[in-house]
Amino acid sequence: MRFIPLAALALSATVISAPAHAGAPTWNVNKGNSHLGFGVAVNNQGVKGEFRRWDAQIAFDPKALNQSRVAATIEMGSAVTGEATRDQSLPTADWFNVAAFPRATFVATNFKDLGGGRYQAMGDLTIRGVRRPVVLPFTLKIDGKNAQMQGSLTINRGMFGVGQGQWKGTEMVAANVQINVSLNATRP
């Protein structure tokens, strides 16, 4: 059975990459300890996957949110779920259409401090050439030059054109896709 969309994210995709702005320090993501994943219900069963190739650069300072910026690029052809038939379907025109849209992006330049190490990143997520505004809630812990970020958001895959033909409906593959981001980064 062919399958799925999503994600991406990613976000998400959730996540963070961008040129630095004056005043906001840059952060280097440790990809070995970071993860960009997604989850969706297929035939009422939870399916999890991840993007194996993505780039994230961060310019972020909790005390200078107006100077912070995040931009992420996700290689859509790197999506895997651990099931061969599904994984072979993801790059096709029905799902991510990697031939026409090899990358998804997330760019955020607006942040809100919710208190207690909780934040929101407001930005644009682009998948399959469709750009939509999204809000990525996340937690952030900074210890000296080390930072840990966890975030998650839910998107409707149909709003990005993910799932075409027989997969456009939501009978087999749910509309909502959760994008999960877990980053470990260091400041130079």
N, C-alpha and C. Protein backbone atom coordinates (compact mmCIF):
# COMPACT_ATOMS: atom_id res chain seq x y z
N MET A 1 0.83 -1.17 0.00
CA MET A 1 0.00 0.00 0.00
C MET A 1 0.88 1.24 0.00
N ARG A 2 0.57 2.16 -0.82
CA ARG A 2 1.32 3.40 -0.89
C ARG A 2 0.83 4.33 0.18
N PHE A 3 1.68 5.39 0.43
CA PHE A 3 1.25 6.16 1.52
C PHE A 3 1.84 7.55 1.64
N ILE A 4 1.56 8.18 2.35
CA ILE A 4 1.70 9.24 3.23
C ILE A 4 2.31 10.51 2.81
N PRO A 5 2.15 11.36 3.58
CA PRO A 5 2.54 12.64 3.34
C PRO A 5 3.64 13.03 4.21
N LEU A 6 3.55 13.88 4.56
CA LEU A 6 3.64 14.75 5.55
C LEU A 6 4.82 15.28 6.10
N ALA A 7 4.85 15.86 6.46
CA ALA A 7 5.55 16.43 7.39
C ALA A 7 6.44 17.48 7.15
N ALA A 8 6.66 17.49 7.35
CA ALA A 8 7.20 18.30 7.49
C ALA A 8 7.49 19.13 7.66
N LEU A 9 7.34 18.80 7.89
CA LEU A 9 7.89 19.49 8.19
C LEU A 9 8.59 20.18 7.96
N ALA A 10 8.07 19.91 8.56
CA ALA A 10 8.68 20.11 8.98
C ALA A 10 8.91 20.83 8.72
N LEU A 11 8.60 21.54 9.63
CA LEU A 11 8.61 21.97 10.37
C LEU A 11 9.54 22.18 10.21
N SER A 12 8.09 21.01 10.21
CA SER A 12 8.51 21.26 10.34
C SER A 12 9.64 21.75 10.52
N ALA A 13 10.12 21.11 10.70
CA ALA A 13 10.15 21.14 10.32
C ALA A 13 10.38 22.04 11.67
N THR A 14 10.18 22.00 11.43
CA THR A 14 9.90 22.28 12.38
C THR A 14 10.55 22.69 12.51
N VAL A 15 12.75 23.08 11.54
CA VAL A 15 12.94 23.89 12.59
C VAL A 15 13.90 24.94 12.36
N ILE A 16 15.00 24.86 12.74
CA ILE A 16 15.64 26.10 12.86
C ILE A 16 16.88 26.24 12.02
N SER A 17 16.85 27.28 11.23
CA SER A 17 18.00 27.52 10.43
C SER A 17 17.90 28.88 9.81
N ALA A 18 18.97 29.65 9.88
CA ALA A 18 18.88 30.95 9.26
C ALA A 18 20.12 31.78 9.44
N PRO A 19 20.22 32.80 8.62
CA PRO A 19 21.33 33.70 8.77
C PRO A 19 21.20 34.51 10.06
N ALA A 20 22.31 34.88 10.62
CA ALA A 20 22.29 35.62 11.88
C ALA A 20 21.94 37.08 11.66
N HIS A 21 21.28 37.64 12.64
CA HIS A 21 21.03 39.08 12.67
C HIS A 21 21.90 39.64 13.78
N ALA A 22 22.28 40.89 13.65
CA ALA A 22 23.10 41.52 14.67
C ALA A 22 22.38 41.42 16.01
N GLY A 23 23.11 41.04 17.03
CA GLY A 23 22.51 40.98 18.35
C GLY A 23 22.04 39.60 18.77
N ALA A 24 21.72 38.74 17.84
CA ALA A 24 21.27 37.39 18.18
C ALA A 24 22.40 36.43 17.82
N PRO A 25 22.91 35.68 18.81
CA PRO A 25 24.00 34.76 18.52
C PRO A 25 23.54 33.61 17.62
N THR A 26 24.48 33.10 16.85
CA THR A 26 24.18 31.94 16.02
C THR A 26 24.42 30.67 16.81
N TRP A 27 23.68 29.64 16.44
CA TRP A 27 23.76 28.33 17.09
C TRP A 27 24.02 27.28 16.03
N ASN A 28 24.92 26.36 16.32
CA ASN A 28 25.21 25.25 15.42
C ASN A 28 24.49 24.01 15.93
N VAL A 29 23.66 23.43 15.07
CA VAL A 29 22.88 22.25 15.45
C VAL A 29 23.75 21.01 15.40
N ASN A 30 23.71 20.22 16.47
CA ASN A 30 24.38 18.93 16.50
C ASN A 30 23.40 17.91 15.93
N LYS A 31 23.55 17.60 14.65
CA LYS A 31 22.58 16.73 13.98
C LYS A 31 22.59 15.31 14.51
N GLY A 32 23.71 14.87 15.09
CA GLY A 32 23.76 13.54 15.66
C GLY A 32 22.84 13.38 16.86
N ASN A 33 22.54 14.50 17.53
CA ASN A 33 21.66 14.47 18.70
C ASN A 33 20.37 15.25 18.48
N SER A 34 20.03 15.47 17.24
CA SER A 34 18.81 16.21 16.91
C SER A 34 17.94 15.37 15.99
N HIS A 35 16.65 15.68 15.95
CA HIS A 35 15.70 14.84 15.22
C HIS A 35 14.57 15.69 14.65
N LEU A 36 14.19 15.39 13.42
CA LEU A 36 13.03 16.02 12.78
C LEU A 36 12.12 14.89 12.33
N GLY A 37 11.00 14.73 13.00
CA GLY A 37 10.12 13.60 12.73
C GLY A 37 8.69 14.02 12.46
N PHE A 38 7.88 13.03 12.11
CA PHE A 38 6.46 13.28 11.87
C PHE A 38 5.67 12.05 12.24
N GLY A 39 4.38 12.26 12.48
CA GLY A 39 3.47 11.17 12.81
C GLY A 39 2.12 11.42 12.18
N VAL A 40 1.48 10.34 11.74
CA VAL A 40 0.17 10.43 11.10
C VAL A 40 -0.54 9.09 11.29
N ALA A 41 -1.86 9.13 11.27
CA ALA A 41 -2.63 7.89 11.36
C ALA A 41 -2.90 7.37 9.95
N VAL A 42 -2.55 6.09 9.74
CA VAL A 42 -2.81 5.41 8.48
C VAL A 42 -3.65 4.18 8.80
N ASN A 43 -4.84 4.12 8.21
CA ASN A 43 -5.77 3.04 8.54
C ASN A 43 -5.97 2.93 10.05
N ASN A 44 -6.10 4.09 10.69
CA ASN A 44 -6.32 4.21 12.13
C ASN A 44 -5.16 3.68 12.98
N GLN A 45 -4.00 3.51 12.38
CA GLN A 45 -2.80 3.09 13.10
C GLN A 45 -1.77 4.22 13.04
N GLY A 46 -1.13 4.50 14.15
CA GLY A 46 -0.11 5.54 14.17
C GLY A 46 1.13 5.12 13.39
N VAL A 47 1.59 6.00 12.53
CA VAL A 47 2.82 5.77 11.77
C VAL A 47 3.76 6.93 12.06
N LYS A 48 4.99 6.60 12.40
CA LYS A 48 6.00 7.63 12.67
C LYS A 48 7.08 7.56 11.61
N GLY A 49 7.64 8.71 11.33
CA GLY A 49 8.72 8.78 10.36
C GLY A 49 9.67 9.90 10.73
N GLU A 50 10.69 10.03 9.92
CA GLU A 50 11.67 11.09 10.15
C GLU A 50 12.26 11.53 8.83
N PHE A 51 12.83 12.73 8.86
CA PHE A 51 13.61 13.23 7.73
C PHE A 51 15.07 13.06 8.10
N ARG A 52 15.80 12.37 7.27
CA ARG A 52 17.20 12.09 7.59
C ARG A 52 18.15 13.20 7.16
N ARG A 53 17.71 14.04 6.19
CA ARG A 53 18.57 15.12 5.72
C ARG A 53 17.82 16.45 5.83
N TRP A 54 18.38 17.34 6.60
CA TRP A 54 17.84 18.68 6.77
C TRP A 54 18.96 19.58 7.26
N ASP A 55 18.75 20.85 7.09
CA ASP A 55 19.75 21.82 7.52
C ASP A 55 19.07 22.83 8.43
N ALA A 56 19.70 23.15 9.51
CA ALA A 56 19.12 24.12 10.44
C ALA A 56 20.20 25.05 10.94
N GLN A 57 19.96 26.32 10.75
CA GLN A 57 20.84 27.36 11.28
C GLN A 57 19.96 28.25 12.13
N ILE A 58 20.55 28.74 13.21
CA ILE A 58 19.74 29.51 14.16
C ILE A 58 20.46 30.79 14.56
N ALA A 59 19.74 31.87 14.59
CA ALA A 59 20.19 33.11 15.23
C ALA A 59 19.10 33.42 16.25
N PHE A 60 19.38 33.18 17.53
CA PHE A 60 18.33 33.28 18.54
C PHE A 60 18.89 33.76 19.86
N ASP A 61 18.16 34.71 20.46
CA ASP A 61 18.50 35.20 21.79
C ASP A 61 17.19 35.49 22.51
N PRO A 62 16.91 34.79 23.61
CA PRO A 62 15.66 35.04 24.35
C PRO A 62 15.50 36.49 24.79
N LYS A 63 16.63 37.22 24.91
CA LYS A 63 16.57 38.63 25.32
C LYS A 63 16.53 39.57 24.13
N ALA A 64 16.59 39.03 22.93
CA ALA A 64 16.54 39.85 21.70
C ALA A 64 15.69 39.12 20.66
N LEU A 65 14.45 38.80 21.02
CA LEU A 65 13.59 38.05 20.11
C LEU A 65 13.35 38.80 18.81
N ASN A 66 13.34 40.12 18.86
CA ASN A 66 13.12 40.90 17.64
C ASN A 66 14.30 40.84 16.68
N GLN A 67 15.44 40.32 17.13
CA GLN A 67 16.61 40.17 16.28
C GLN A 67 16.87 38.70 15.94
N SER A 68 16.00 37.83 16.40
CA SER A 68 16.18 36.39 16.18
C SER A 68 15.55 35.96 14.86
N ARG A 69 16.08 34.88 14.33
CA ARG A 69 15.60 34.37 13.05
C ARG A 69 15.93 32.88 12.97
N VAL A 70 15.02 32.13 12.39
CA VAL A 70 15.23 30.71 12.19
C VAL A 70 14.85 30.38 10.74
N ALA A 71 15.64 29.51 10.12
CA ALA A 71 15.30 29.05 8.77
C ALA A 71 15.77 27.61 8.65
N ALA A 72 14.89 26.75 8.21
CA ALA A 72 15.23 25.33 8.05
C ALA A 72 14.92 24.89 6.63
N THR A 73 15.74 23.98 6.13
CA THR A 73 15.52 23.37 4.82
C THR A 73 15.49 21.87 5.02
N ILE A 74 14.43 21.23 4.54
CA ILE A 74 14.24 19.80 4.72
C ILE A 74 14.29 19.13 3.35
N GLU A 75 15.13 18.13 3.21
CA GLU A 75 15.21 17.35 1.97
C GLU A 75 14.07 16.33 2.01
N MET A 76 13.03 16.57 1.22
CA MET A 76 11.83 15.74 1.30
C MET A 76 12.07 14.29 0.87
N GLY A 77 13.04 14.07 0.01
CA GLY A 77 13.36 12.71 -0.41
C GLY A 77 14.02 11.88 0.67
N SER A 78 14.33 12.49 1.82
CA SER A 78 14.98 11.76 2.90
C SER A 78 14.00 11.21 3.93
N ALA A 79 12.69 11.34 3.65
CA ALA A 79 11.67 10.87 4.60
C ALA A 79 11.63 9.34 4.63
N VAL A 80 11.61 8.79 5.83
CA VAL A 80 11.51 7.34 6.01
C VAL A 80 10.54 7.04 7.15
N THR A 81 9.87 5.89 7.01
CA THR A 81 8.96 5.44 8.06
C THR A 81 9.31 4.03 8.53
N GLY A 82 10.23 3.38 7.83
CA GLY A 82 10.61 2.02 8.20
C GLY A 82 9.83 0.95 7.47
N GLU A 83 8.93 1.34 6.58
CA GLU A 83 8.17 0.37 5.79
C GLU A 83 8.48 0.66 4.32
N ALA A 84 9.09 -0.31 3.63
CA ALA A 84 9.65 -0.09 2.30
C ALA A 84 8.65 0.43 1.27
N THR A 85 7.49 -0.16 1.17
CA THR A 85 6.51 0.28 0.17
C THR A 85 6.07 1.71 0.44
N ARG A 86 5.79 2.03 1.67
CA ARG A 86 5.39 3.39 2.04
C ARG A 86 6.53 4.36 1.74
N ASP A 87 7.75 3.99 2.12
CA ASP A 87 8.89 4.88 1.91
C ASP A 87 9.15 5.13 0.43
N GLN A 88 8.89 4.15 -0.41
CA GLN A 88 9.05 4.34 -1.86
C GLN A 88 7.97 5.26 -2.41
N SER A 89 6.82 5.33 -1.76
CA SER A 89 5.71 6.18 -2.20
C SER A 89 5.92 7.65 -1.86
N LEU A 90 6.58 7.92 -0.76
CA LEU A 90 6.68 9.29 -0.27
C LEU A 90 7.23 10.28 -1.30
N PRO A 91 8.27 9.93 -2.07
CA PRO A 91 8.82 10.90 -3.02
C PRO A 91 7.95 11.10 -4.28
N THR A 92 6.93 10.28 -4.49
CA THR A 92 6.15 10.33 -5.73
C THR A 92 5.25 11.56 -5.79
N ALA A 93 4.69 11.78 -6.98
CA ALA A 93 3.81 12.93 -7.22
C ALA A 93 2.58 12.91 -6.32
N ASP A 94 2.14 11.74 -5.88
CA ASP A 94 0.98 11.67 -5.00
C ASP A 94 1.25 12.25 -3.62
N TRP A 95 2.50 12.21 -3.20
CA TRP A 95 2.83 12.67 -1.85
C TRP A 95 3.70 13.92 -1.89
N PHE A 96 5.02 13.78 -1.77
CA PHE A 96 5.90 14.94 -1.69
C PHE A 96 6.30 15.51 -3.05
N ASN A 97 6.14 14.72 -4.11
CA ASN A 97 6.52 15.15 -5.46
C ASN A 97 7.92 15.75 -5.45
N VAL A 98 8.87 14.94 -5.01
CA VAL A 98 10.25 15.37 -4.84
C VAL A 98 10.88 15.84 -6.16
N ALA A 99 10.46 15.28 -7.28
CA ALA A 99 11.02 15.71 -8.57
C ALA A 99 10.75 17.19 -8.81
N ALA A 100 9.58 17.67 -8.43
CA ALA A 100 9.22 19.08 -8.63
C ALA A 100 9.53 19.95 -7.40
N PHE A 101 9.45 19.34 -6.21
CA PHE A 101 9.61 20.10 -4.97
C PHE A 101 10.55 19.34 -4.02
N PRO A 102 11.85 19.37 -4.30
CA PRO A 102 12.78 18.56 -3.51
C PRO A 102 12.93 18.99 -2.05
N ARG A 103 12.58 20.24 -1.73
CA ARG A 103 12.79 20.74 -0.39
C ARG A 103 11.54 21.40 0.18
N ALA A 104 11.42 21.30 1.48
CA ALA A 104 10.44 22.09 2.23
C ALA A 104 11.25 23.07 3.06
N THR A 105 10.62 24.19 3.43
CA THR A 105 11.33 25.18 4.25
C THR A 105 10.43 25.68 5.37
N PHE A 106 11.07 26.11 6.43
CA PHE A 106 10.39 26.81 7.52
C PHE A 106 11.24 28.02 7.85
N VAL A 107 10.64 29.20 7.81
CA VAL A 107 11.36 30.44 8.11
C VAL A 107 10.53 31.22 9.13
N ALA A 108 11.17 31.57 10.25
CA ALA A 108 10.48 32.33 11.29
C ALA A 108 11.32 33.54 11.68
N THR A 109 10.66 34.69 11.76
CA THR A 109 11.32 35.92 12.20
C THR A 109 10.55 36.59 13.33
N ASN A 110 9.51 35.94 13.81
CA ASN A 110 8.68 36.50 14.86
C ASN A 110 8.56 35.46 15.98
N PHE A 111 8.93 35.85 17.19
CA PHE A 111 8.92 34.93 18.33
C PHE A 111 8.20 35.56 19.51
N LYS A 112 7.60 34.71 20.32
CA LYS A 112 6.89 35.18 21.51
C LYS A 112 7.37 34.37 22.71
N ASP A 113 7.71 35.06 23.78
CA ASP A 113 8.11 34.43 25.03
C ASP A 113 6.85 34.17 25.86
N LEU A 114 6.57 32.90 26.14
CA LEU A 114 5.39 32.52 26.91
C LEU A 114 5.72 32.34 28.39
N GLY A 115 7.00 32.50 28.74
CA GLY A 115 7.42 32.33 30.13
C GLY A 115 7.80 30.89 30.44
N GLY A 116 8.66 30.71 31.42
CA GLY A 116 9.05 29.37 31.86
C GLY A 116 9.80 28.57 30.82
N GLY A 117 10.54 29.23 29.94
CA GLY A 117 11.29 28.51 28.91
C GLY A 117 10.43 28.06 27.74
N ARG A 118 9.19 28.59 27.67
CA ARG A 118 8.29 28.25 26.56
C ARG A 118 8.18 29.43 25.60
N TYR A 119 8.19 29.11 24.31
CA TYR A 119 8.16 30.13 23.28
C TYR A 119 7.24 29.70 22.14
N GLN A 120 6.98 30.65 21.25
CA GLN A 120 6.31 30.36 19.99
C GLN A 120 7.14 30.99 18.88
N ALA A 121 7.31 30.23 17.79
CA ALA A 121 7.93 30.75 16.58
C ALA A 121 6.83 30.87 15.54
N MET A 122 6.61 32.09 15.06
CA MET A 122 5.62 32.32 14.01
C MET A 122 6.37 32.49 12.71
N GLY A 123 6.00 31.65 11.74
CA GLY A 123 6.72 31.72 10.48
C GLY A 123 5.94 31.09 9.35
N ASP A 124 6.64 30.86 8.26
CA ASP A 124 6.04 30.27 7.07
C ASP A 124 6.64 28.89 6.81
N LEU A 125 5.76 27.93 6.62
CA LEU A 125 6.15 26.57 6.23
C LEU A 125 5.76 26.40 4.77
N THR A 126 6.72 25.94 3.97
CA THR A 126 6.47 25.72 2.55
C THR A 126 6.71 24.26 2.22
N ILE A 127 5.68 23.58 1.71
CA ILE A 127 5.76 22.18 1.30
C ILE A 127 5.09 22.10 -0.07
N ARG A 128 5.72 21.42 -1.02
CA ARG A 128 5.19 21.28 -2.37
C ARG A 128 4.88 22.64 -3.01
N GLY A 129 5.69 23.62 -2.68
CA GLY A 129 5.51 24.95 -3.25
C GLY A 129 4.38 25.75 -2.64
N VAL A 130 3.70 25.21 -1.63
CA VAL A 130 2.60 25.91 -0.97
C VAL A 130 3.11 26.47 0.36
N ARG A 131 3.02 27.79 0.51
CA ARG A 131 3.50 28.45 1.73
C ARG A 131 2.31 28.84 2.59
N ARG A 132 2.39 28.44 3.87
CA ARG A 132 1.32 28.75 4.82
C ARG A 132 1.95 29.25 6.13
N PRO A 133 1.28 30.19 6.79
CA PRO A 133 1.76 30.61 8.11
C PRO A 133 1.48 29.52 9.14
N VAL A 134 2.43 29.29 10.03
CA VAL A 134 2.27 28.31 11.10
C VAL A 134 2.85 28.89 12.39
N VAL A 135 2.43 28.31 13.50
CA VAL A 135 2.98 28.66 14.81
C VAL A 135 3.58 27.39 15.40
N LEU A 136 4.86 27.45 15.72
CA LEU A 136 5.56 26.32 16.31
C LEU A 136 5.82 26.62 17.79
N PRO A 137 5.05 26.00 18.70
CA PRO A 137 5.34 26.15 20.12
C PRO A 137 6.58 25.30 20.46
N PHE A 138 7.45 25.84 21.31
CA PHE A 138 8.63 25.05 21.68
C PHE A 138 9.12 25.43 23.06
N THR A 139 9.87 24.51 23.64
CA THR A 139 10.55 24.77 24.90
C THR A 139 12.04 24.91 24.60
N LEU A 140 12.71 25.70 25.39
CA LEU A 140 14.13 25.94 25.16
C LEU A 140 14.85 26.01 26.51
N LYS A 141 15.93 25.26 26.61
CA LYS A 141 16.79 25.31 27.79
C LYS A 141 18.19 25.68 27.30
N ILE A 142 18.71 26.77 27.83
CA ILE A 142 20.06 27.21 27.48
C ILE A 142 20.92 27.10 28.72
N ASP A 143 22.05 26.40 28.57
CA ASP A 143 23.01 26.24 29.65
C ASP A 143 24.37 26.65 29.11
N GLY A 144 24.74 27.90 29.35
CA GLY A 144 25.99 28.41 28.80
C GLY A 144 25.95 28.47 27.29
N LYS A 145 26.81 27.68 26.66
CA LYS A 145 26.87 27.65 25.19
C LYS A 145 26.10 26.48 24.60
N ASN A 146 25.32 25.79 25.41
CA ASN A 146 24.54 24.64 24.95
C ASN A 146 23.05 24.93 25.07
N ALA A 147 22.30 24.45 24.08
CA ALA A 147 20.85 24.65 24.10
C ALA A 147 20.13 23.38 23.67
N GLN A 148 18.98 23.15 24.27
CA GLN A 148 18.10 22.04 23.89
C GLN A 148 16.72 22.62 23.60
N MET A 149 16.20 22.26 22.43
CA MET A 149 14.90 22.75 22.01
C MET A 149 14.01 21.57 21.67
N GLN A 150 12.75 21.64 22.09
CA GLN A 150 11.73 20.63 21.76
C GLN A 150 10.51 21.38 21.26
N GLY A 151 9.98 20.95 20.12
CA GLY A 151 8.79 21.61 19.59
C GLY A 151 7.93 20.64 18.81
N SER A 152 6.67 21.00 18.67
CA SER A 152 5.73 20.15 17.95
C SER A 152 4.58 21.00 17.43
N LEU A 153 4.16 20.73 16.20
CA LEU A 153 2.98 21.38 15.67
C LEU A 153 2.23 20.40 14.79
N THR A 154 0.96 20.64 14.60
CA THR A 154 0.13 19.80 13.75
C THR A 154 -0.29 20.61 12.54
N ILE A 155 -0.13 19.99 11.35
CA ILE A 155 -0.56 20.64 10.12
C ILE A 155 -1.58 19.74 9.42
N ASN A 156 -2.36 20.34 8.55
CA ASN A 156 -3.29 19.60 7.72
C ASN A 156 -2.58 19.37 6.38
N ARG A 157 -2.28 18.13 6.06
CA ARG A 157 -1.51 17.82 4.85
C ARG A 157 -2.19 18.31 3.58
N GLY A 158 -3.52 18.31 3.57
CA GLY A 158 -4.26 18.74 2.40
C GLY A 158 -4.03 20.20 2.06
N MET A 159 -3.76 21.02 3.07
CA MET A 159 -3.53 22.45 2.83
C MET A 159 -2.22 22.69 2.11
N PHE A 160 -1.36 21.67 2.07
CA PHE A 160 -0.09 21.77 1.35
C PHE A 160 -0.09 20.90 0.09
N GLY A 161 -1.22 20.29 -0.22
CA GLY A 161 -1.31 19.45 -1.41
C GLY A 161 -0.64 18.10 -1.26
N VAL A 162 -0.38 17.69 -0.02
CA VAL A 162 0.27 16.40 0.23
C VAL A 162 -0.82 15.33 0.28
N GLY A 163 -0.77 14.42 -0.67
CA GLY A 163 -1.79 13.40 -0.81
C GLY A 163 -2.66 13.75 -2.01
N GLN A 164 -2.38 13.16 -3.13
CA GLN A 164 -3.12 13.43 -4.37
C GLN A 164 -3.78 12.14 -4.83
N GLY A 165 -4.61 12.25 -5.86
CA GLY A 165 -5.26 11.06 -6.41
C GLY A 165 -6.07 10.34 -5.35
N GLN A 166 -5.88 9.03 -5.26
CA GLN A 166 -6.63 8.23 -4.29
C GLN A 166 -6.31 8.59 -2.85
N TRP A 167 -5.22 9.33 -2.62
CA TRP A 167 -4.79 9.67 -1.27
C TRP A 167 -5.26 11.05 -0.83
N LYS A 168 -6.00 11.74 -1.67
CA LYS A 168 -6.45 13.10 -1.33
C LYS A 168 -7.43 13.09 -0.16
N GLY A 169 -8.26 12.10 -0.10
CA GLY A 169 -9.22 11.98 1.00
C GLY A 169 -8.53 11.56 2.28
N THR A 170 -9.32 11.46 3.34
CA THR A 170 -8.75 11.13 4.65
C THR A 170 -9.23 9.78 5.18
N GLU A 171 -9.84 8.97 4.30
CA GLU A 171 -10.34 7.68 4.75
C GLU A 171 -9.21 6.75 5.19
N MET A 172 -8.10 6.74 4.43
CA MET A 172 -6.98 5.85 4.78
C MET A 172 -5.87 6.57 5.52
N VAL A 173 -5.58 7.80 5.11
CA VAL A 173 -4.51 8.57 5.74
C VAL A 173 -5.12 9.85 6.32
N ALA A 174 -4.95 10.03 7.61
CA ALA A 174 -5.55 11.17 8.30
C ALA A 174 -5.05 12.50 7.72
N ALA A 175 -5.86 13.52 7.87
CA ALA A 175 -5.49 14.85 7.38
C ALA A 175 -4.39 15.47 8.25
N ASN A 176 -4.48 15.27 9.55
CA ASN A 176 -3.54 15.91 10.46
C ASN A 176 -2.24 15.14 10.59
N VAL A 177 -1.17 15.89 10.48
CA VAL A 177 0.17 15.33 10.61
C VAL A 177 0.89 16.12 11.69
N GLN A 178 1.48 15.40 12.62
CA GLN A 178 2.23 16.05 13.68
C GLN A 178 3.70 16.09 13.30
N ILE A 179 4.29 17.27 13.40
CA ILE A 179 5.72 17.45 13.14
C ILE A 179 6.40 17.66 14.48
N ASN A 180 7.45 16.88 14.72
CA ASN A 180 8.18 16.95 15.99
C ASN A 180 9.63 17.32 15.74
N VAL A 181 10.11 18.27 16.53
CA VAL A 181 11.47 18.75 16.39
C VAL A 181 12.17 18.64 17.74
N SER A 182 13.36 18.08 17.71
CA SER A 182 14.20 18.00 18.90
C SER A 182 15.61 18.40 18.49
N LEU A 183 16.09 19.51 19.03
CA LEU A 183 17.40 20.02 18.63
C LEU A 183 18.33 20.16 19.81
N ASN A 184 19.58 19.84 19.57
CA ASN A 184 20.67 20.16 20.49
C ASN A 184 21.61 21.04 19.70
N ALA A 185 21.96 22.18 20.26
CA ALA A 185 22.80 23.13 19.54
C ALA A 185 23.83 23.74 20.49
N THR A 186 24.90 24.25 19.89
CA THR A 186 25.94 24.94 20.65
C THR A 186 26.22 26.29 20.00
N ARG A 187 26.63 27.20 20.83
CA ARG A 187 27.00 28.54 20.37
C ARG A 187 28.51 28.59 20.25
N PRO A 188 29.02 29.11 19.13
CA PRO A 188 30.50 29.20 18.97
C PRO A 188 31.12 30.11 20.02
